Structure formats: C-alpha cells, structure tokens
C-alpha cells in the first residue's frame, strides 16, 4: 500500500511540473489595468492605462 501511494505521489508531481501557464502578452499591451498590494498592513490599489508605448498611472 505504501509503495502504490509513493508511486502515485511521484507521478502526480512529475505530471504537474510539466504545466506551463499561458502567456498572451498581446492581450496586456493596451488597456486599463489595476492591482492591489499591501503596504504597511494597508491595501492599496493602483490603476494605470497603457496605450502602445504610453503608460499613465493614477
């Protein structure tokens, strides 16, 4: 029983390590984006607009 469990775990780790996230950079070239970060235990949301080579933060 221990051997089957060990083999199953090893196979699961090997299969999951082959996963690669999809990277579609063109979808993020233009548009309005925002993200939230924590600074001094306070959540801060930053929003910016990107148009070609121009990026505007507010």
PDB file of N, CA and C in Angstrom:
ATOM      1  N   UNK A   1       0.822  -1.197   0.000  1.00  0.00           N
ATOM      2  CA  UNK A   1       0.000   0.000   0.000  1.00  0.00           C
ATOM      3  C   UNK A   1       0.863   1.256   0.000  1.00  0.00           C
ATOM      4  N   UNK A   2       1.925   1.233   0.796  1.00  0.00           N
ATOM      5  CA  UNK A   2       2.827   2.375   0.890  1.00  0.00           C
ATOM      6  C   UNK A   2       3.505   2.643  -0.454  1.00  0.00           C
ATOM      7  N   UNK A   3       3.865   1.590  -1.170  1.00  0.00           N
ATOM      8  CA  UNK A   3       4.538   1.726  -2.456  1.00  0.00           C
ATOM      9  C   UNK A   3       3.613   2.340  -3.499  1.00  0.00           C
ATOM     10  N   UNK A   4       2.369   1.907  -3.545  1.00  0.00           N
ATOM     11  CA  UNK A   4       1.411   2.464  -4.504  1.00  0.00           C
ATOM     12  C   UNK A   4       1.180   3.946  -4.244  1.00  0.00           C
ATOM     13  N   UNK A   5       1.085   4.324  -2.984  1.00  0.00           N
ATOM     14  CA  UNK A   5       0.884   5.728  -2.634  1.00  0.00           C
ATOM     15  C   UNK A   5       2.098   6.553  -3.034  1.00  0.00           C
ATOM     16  N   UNK A   6       3.278   6.040  -2.772  1.00  0.00           N
ATOM     17  CA  UNK A   6       4.513   6.748  -3.126  1.00  0.00           C
ATOM     18  C   UNK A   6       4.626   6.930  -4.631  1.00  0.00           C
ATOM     19  N   UNK A   7       4.330   5.890  -5.380  1.00  0.00           N
ATOM     20  CA  UNK A   7       4.391   5.968  -6.839  1.00  0.00           C
ATOM     21  C   UNK A   7       3.360   6.964  -7.356  1.00  0.00           C
ATOM     22  N   UNK A   8       2.174   6.951  -6.797  1.00  0.00           N
ATOM     23  CA  UNK A   8       1.133   7.887  -7.216  1.00  0.00           C
ATOM     24  C   UNK A   8       1.556   9.328  -6.959  1.00  0.00           C
ATOM     25  N   UNK A   9       2.164   9.586  -5.827  1.00  0.00           N
ATOM     26  CA  UNK A   9       2.616  10.939  -5.498  1.00  0.00           C
ATOM     27  C   UNK A   9       3.726  11.381  -6.444  1.00  0.00           C
ATOM     28  N   UNK A  10       4.660  10.506  -6.742  1.00  0.00           N
ATOM     29  CA  UNK A  10       5.754  10.835  -7.656  1.00  0.00           C
ATOM     30  C   UNK A  10       5.209  11.125  -9.050  1.00  0.00           C
ATOM     31  N   UNK A  11       4.288  10.318  -9.531  1.00  0.00           N
ATOM     32  CA  UNK A  11       3.689  10.534 -10.852  1.00  0.00           C
ATOM     33  C   UNK A  11       2.927  11.855 -10.879  1.00  0.00           C
ATOM     34  N   UNK A  12       2.195  12.151  -9.837  1.00  0.00           N
ATOM     35  CA  UNK A  12       1.453  13.411  -9.760  1.00  0.00           C
ATOM     36  C   UNK A  12       2.396  14.608  -9.794  1.00  0.00           C
ATOM     37  N   UNK A  13       3.487  14.543  -9.074  1.00  0.00           N
ATOM     38  CA  UNK A  13       4.467  15.636  -9.070  1.00  0.00           C
ATOM     39  C   UNK A  13       5.104  15.793 -10.449  1.00  0.00           C
ATOM     40  N   UNK A  14       5.446  14.696 -11.085  1.00  0.00           N
ATOM     41  CA  UNK A  14       6.053  14.769 -12.414  1.00  0.00           C
ATOM     42  C   UNK A  14       5.097  15.358 -13.443  1.00  0.00           C
ATOM     43  N   UNK A  15       3.841  14.970 -13.397  1.00  0.00           N
ATOM     44  CA  UNK A  15       2.867  15.486 -14.358  1.00  0.00           C
ATOM     45  C   UNK A  15       2.553  16.955 -14.111  1.00  0.00           C
ATOM     46  N   UNK A  16       2.476  17.363 -12.866  1.00  0.00           N
ATOM     47  CA  UNK A  16       2.150  18.757 -12.576  1.00  0.00           C
ATOM     48  C   UNK A  16       3.333  19.676 -12.837  1.00  0.00           C
ATOM     49  N   UNK A  17       4.551  19.167 -12.820  1.00  0.00           N
ATOM     50  CA  UNK A  17       5.715  20.010 -13.077  1.00  0.00           C
ATOM     51  C   UNK A  17       5.837  20.360 -14.560  1.00  0.00           C
ATOM     52  N   UNK A  18       5.143  19.655 -15.430  1.00  0.00           N
ATOM     53  CA  UNK A  18       5.177  19.940 -16.861  1.00  0.00           C
ATOM     54  C   UNK A  18       4.206  21.046 -17.255  1.00  0.00           C
ATOM     55  N   UNK A  19       3.372  21.474 -16.340  1.00  0.00           N
ATOM     56  CA  UNK A  19       2.375  22.502 -16.630  1.00  0.00           C
ATOM     57  C   UNK A  19       3.052  23.845 -16.861  1.00  0.00           C
ATOM     58  N   UNK A  20       2.670  24.540 -17.927  1.00  0.00           N
ATOM     59  CA  UNK A  20       3.194  25.873 -18.201  1.00  0.00           C
ATOM     60  C   UNK A  20       2.013  26.816 -18.373  1.00  0.00           C
ATOM     61  N   UNK A  21       2.015  27.956 -17.679  1.00  0.00           N
ATOM     62  CA  UNK A  21       0.904  28.897 -17.807  1.00  0.00           C
ATOM     63  C   UNK A  21       0.876  29.529 -19.199  1.00  0.00           C
ATOM     64  N   UNK A  22      -0.315  29.877 -19.636  1.00  0.00           N
ATOM     65  CA  UNK A  22      -0.480  30.513 -20.933  1.00  0.00           C
ATOM     66  C   UNK A  22       0.042  31.939 -20.854  1.00  0.00           C
ATOM     67  N   UNK A  23       0.809  32.350 -21.838  1.00  0.00           N
ATOM     68  CA  UNK A  23       1.361  33.702 -21.863  1.00  0.00           C
ATOM     69  C   UNK A  23       0.889  34.398 -23.121  1.00  0.00           C
ATOM     70  N   UNK A  24      -0.062  35.287 -22.955  1.00  0.00           N
ATOM     71  CA  UNK A  24      -0.618  36.048 -24.065  1.00  0.00           C
ATOM     72  C   UNK A  24      -0.309  37.521 -23.824  1.00  0.00           C
ATOM     73  N   UNK A  25       0.912  37.930 -24.124  1.00  0.00           N
ATOM     74  CA  UNK A  25       1.364  39.295 -23.828  1.00  0.00           C
ATOM     75  C   UNK A  25       0.624  40.349 -24.644  1.00  0.00           C
ATOM     76  N   UNK A  26       0.152  39.996 -25.837  1.00  0.00           N
ATOM     77  CA  UNK A  26      -0.552  40.969 -26.671  1.00  0.00           C
ATOM     78  C   UNK A  26      -1.840  41.438 -26.013  1.00  0.00           C
ATOM     79  N   UNK A  27      -2.456  40.601 -25.201  1.00  0.00           N
ATOM     80  CA  UNK A  27      -3.702  40.974 -24.530  1.00  0.00           C
ATOM     81  C   UNK A  27      -3.468  42.043 -23.470  1.00  0.00           C
ATOM     82  N   UNK A  28      -2.230  42.208 -23.016  1.00  0.00           N
ATOM     83  CA  UNK A  28      -1.935  43.162 -21.958  1.00  0.00           C
ATOM     84  C   UNK A  28      -1.135  44.360 -22.453  1.00  0.00           C
ATOM     85  N   UNK A  29      -1.061  44.550 -23.761  1.00  0.00           N
ATOM     86  CA  UNK A  29      -0.309  45.676 -24.312  1.00  0.00           C
ATOM     87  C   UNK A  29      -1.099  46.972 -24.179  1.00  0.00           C
ATOM     88  N   UNK A  30      -2.369  46.949 -24.481  1.00  0.00           N
ATOM     89  CA  UNK A  30      -3.228  48.131 -24.389  1.00  0.00           C
ATOM     90  C   UNK A  30      -4.391  47.839 -23.459  1.00  0.00           C
ATOM     91  N   UNK A  31      -4.816  48.867 -22.706  1.00  0.00           N
ATOM     92  CA  UNK A  31      -5.977  48.707 -21.844  1.00  0.00           C
ATOM     93  C   UNK A  31      -5.792  49.363 -20.496  1.00  0.00           C
ATOM     94  N   UNK A  32      -6.784  49.173 -19.633  1.00  0.00           N
ATOM     95  CA  UNK A  32      -6.743  49.707 -18.275  1.00  0.00           C
ATOM     96  C   UNK A  32      -6.527  48.547 -17.312  1.00  0.00           C
ATOM     97  N   UNK A  33      -5.552  48.684 -16.439  1.00  0.00           N
ATOM     98  CA  UNK A  33      -5.167  47.612 -15.535  1.00  0.00           C
ATOM     99  C   UNK A  33      -5.099  48.139 -14.112  1.00  0.00           C
ATOM    100  N   UNK A  34      -5.354  47.275 -13.154  1.00  0.00           N
ATOM    101  CA  UNK A  34      -5.218  47.653 -11.748  1.00  0.00           C
ATOM    102  C   UNK A  34      -4.711  46.451 -10.965  1.00  0.00           C
ATOM    103  N   UNK A  35      -4.016  46.747  -9.874  1.00  0.00           N
ATOM    104  CA  UNK A  35      -3.561  45.687  -8.989  1.00  0.00           C
ATOM    105  C   UNK A  35      -3.573  46.202  -7.563  1.00  0.00           C
ATOM    106  N   UNK A  36      -3.699  45.294  -6.630  1.00  0.00           N
ATOM    107  CA  UNK A  36      -3.772  45.634  -5.212  1.00  0.00           C
ATOM    108  C   UNK A  36      -2.553  45.059  -4.506  1.00  0.00           C
ATOM    109  N   UNK A  37      -1.924  45.889  -3.691  1.00  0.00           N
ATOM    110  CA  UNK A  37      -0.780  45.443  -2.903  1.00  0.00           C
ATOM    111  C   UNK A  37      -0.963  45.890  -1.459  1.00  0.00           C
ATOM    112  N   UNK A  38      -0.202  45.287  -0.561  1.00  0.00           N
ATOM    113  CA  UNK A  38      -0.284  45.631   0.854  1.00  0.00           C
ATOM    114  C   UNK A  38       0.963  46.404   1.250  1.00  0.00           C
ATOM    115  N   UNK A  39       0.764  47.620   1.750  1.00  0.00           N
ATOM    116  CA  UNK A  39       1.853  48.471   2.209  1.00  0.00           C
ATOM    117  C   UNK A  39       1.537  48.890   3.636  1.00  0.00           C
ATOM    118  N   UNK A  40       2.417  48.554   4.562  1.00  0.00           N
ATOM    119  CA  UNK A  40       2.216  48.866   5.987  1.00  0.00           C
ATOM    120  C   UNK A  40       0.866  48.369   6.482  1.00  0.00           C
ATOM    121  N   UNK A  41       0.544  47.115   6.147  1.00  0.00           N
ATOM    122  CA  UNK A  41      -0.700  46.456   6.562  1.00  0.00           C
ATOM    123  C   UNK A  41      -1.959  47.154   6.038  1.00  0.00           C
ATOM    124  N   UNK A  42      -1.820  47.890   4.955  1.00  0.00           N
ATOM    125  CA  UNK A  42      -2.948  48.600   4.349  1.00  0.00           C
ATOM    126  C   UNK A  42      -2.987  48.240   2.861  1.00  0.00           C
ATOM    127  N   UNK A  43      -4.172  47.867   2.361  1.00  0.00           N
ATOM    128  CA  UNK A  43      -4.302  47.518   0.947  1.00  0.00           C
ATOM    129  C   UNK A  43      -4.397  48.785   0.104  1.00  0.00           C
ATOM    130  N   UNK A  44      -3.557  48.843  -0.931  1.00  0.00           N
ATOM    131  CA  UNK A  44      -3.519  49.987  -1.826  1.00  0.00           C
ATOM    132  C   UNK A  44      -3.763  49.480  -3.241  1.00  0.00           C
ATOM    133  N   UNK A  45      -4.700  50.099  -3.958  1.00  0.00           N
ATOM    134  CA  UNK A  45      -4.998  49.712  -5.333  1.00  0.00           C
ATOM    135  C   UNK A  45      -4.423  50.758  -6.281  1.00  0.00           C
ATOM    136  N   UNK A  46      -3.637  50.292  -7.233  1.00  0.00           N
ATOM    137  CA  UNK A  46      -3.038  51.161  -8.236  1.00  0.00           C
ATOM    138  C   UNK A  46      -3.679  50.842  -9.577  1.00  0.00           C
ATOM    139  N   UNK A  47      -4.053  51.873 -10.304  1.00  0.00           N
ATOM    140  CA  UNK A  47      -4.674  51.711 -11.617  1.00  0.00           C
ATOM    141  C   UNK A  47      -3.835  52.468 -12.640  1.00  0.00           C
ATOM    142  N   UNK A  48      -3.672  51.877 -13.817  1.00  0.00           N
ATOM    143  CA  UNK A  48      -2.949  52.567 -14.881  1.00  0.00           C
ATOM    144  C   UNK A  48      -3.539  52.198 -16.229  1.00  0.00           C
ATOM    145  N   UNK A  49      -3.331  53.090 -17.196  1.00  0.00           N
ATOM    146  CA  UNK A  49      -3.811  52.902 -18.565  1.00  0.00           C
ATOM    147  C   UNK A  49      -2.583  52.785 -19.452  1.00  0.00           C
ATOM    148  N   UNK A  50      -2.580  51.797 -20.311  1.00  0.00           N
ATOM    149  CA  UNK A  50      -1.462  51.578 -21.221  1.00  0.00           C
ATOM    150  C   UNK A  50      -1.980  51.659 -22.651  1.00  0.00           C
ATOM    151  N   UNK A  51      -1.358  52.542 -23.460  1.00  0.00           N
ATOM    152  CA  UNK A  51      -1.703  52.702 -24.873  1.00  0.00           C
ATOM    153  C   UNK A  51      -0.412  52.697 -25.671  1.00  0.00           C
ATOM    154  N   UNK A  52      -0.104  51.572 -26.283  1.00  0.00           N
ATOM    155  CA  UNK A  52       1.137  51.453 -27.054  1.00  0.00           C
ATOM    156  C   UNK A  52       2.345  51.626 -26.159  1.00  0.00           C
ATOM    157  N   UNK A  53       3.147  52.646 -26.432  1.00  0.00           N
ATOM    158  CA  UNK A  53       4.353  52.919 -25.644  1.00  0.00           C
ATOM    159  C   UNK A  53       4.064  53.826 -24.455  1.00  0.00           C
ATOM    160  N   UNK A  54       2.850  54.355 -24.333  1.00  0.00           N
ATOM    161  CA  UNK A  54       2.489  55.310 -23.288  1.00  0.00           C
ATOM    162  C   UNK A  54       1.789  54.595 -22.138  1.00  0.00           C
ATOM    163  N   UNK A  55       2.219  54.893 -20.902  1.00  0.00           N
ATOM    164  CA  UNK A  55       1.601  54.315 -19.715  1.00  0.00           C
ATOM    165  C   UNK A  55       1.294  55.437 -18.733  1.00  0.00           C
ATOM    166  N   UNK A  56       0.033  55.539 -18.302  1.00  0.00           N
ATOM    167  CA  UNK A  56      -0.414  56.612 -17.417  1.00  0.00           C
ATOM    168  C   UNK A  56      -0.882  55.998 -16.106  1.00  0.00           C
ATOM    169  N   UNK A  57      -0.222  56.379 -15.001  1.00  0.00           N
ATOM    170  CA  UNK A  57      -0.603  55.907 -13.664  1.00  0.00           C
ATOM    171  C   UNK A  57      -1.501  56.934 -13.001  1.00  0.00           C
ATOM    172  N   UNK A  58      -2.479  56.451 -12.243  1.00  0.00           N
ATOM    173  CA  UNK A  58      -3.297  57.350 -11.418  1.00  0.00           C
ATOM    174  C   UNK A  58      -3.838  56.618 -10.242  1.00  0.00           C
TER     175      UNK A  58
END
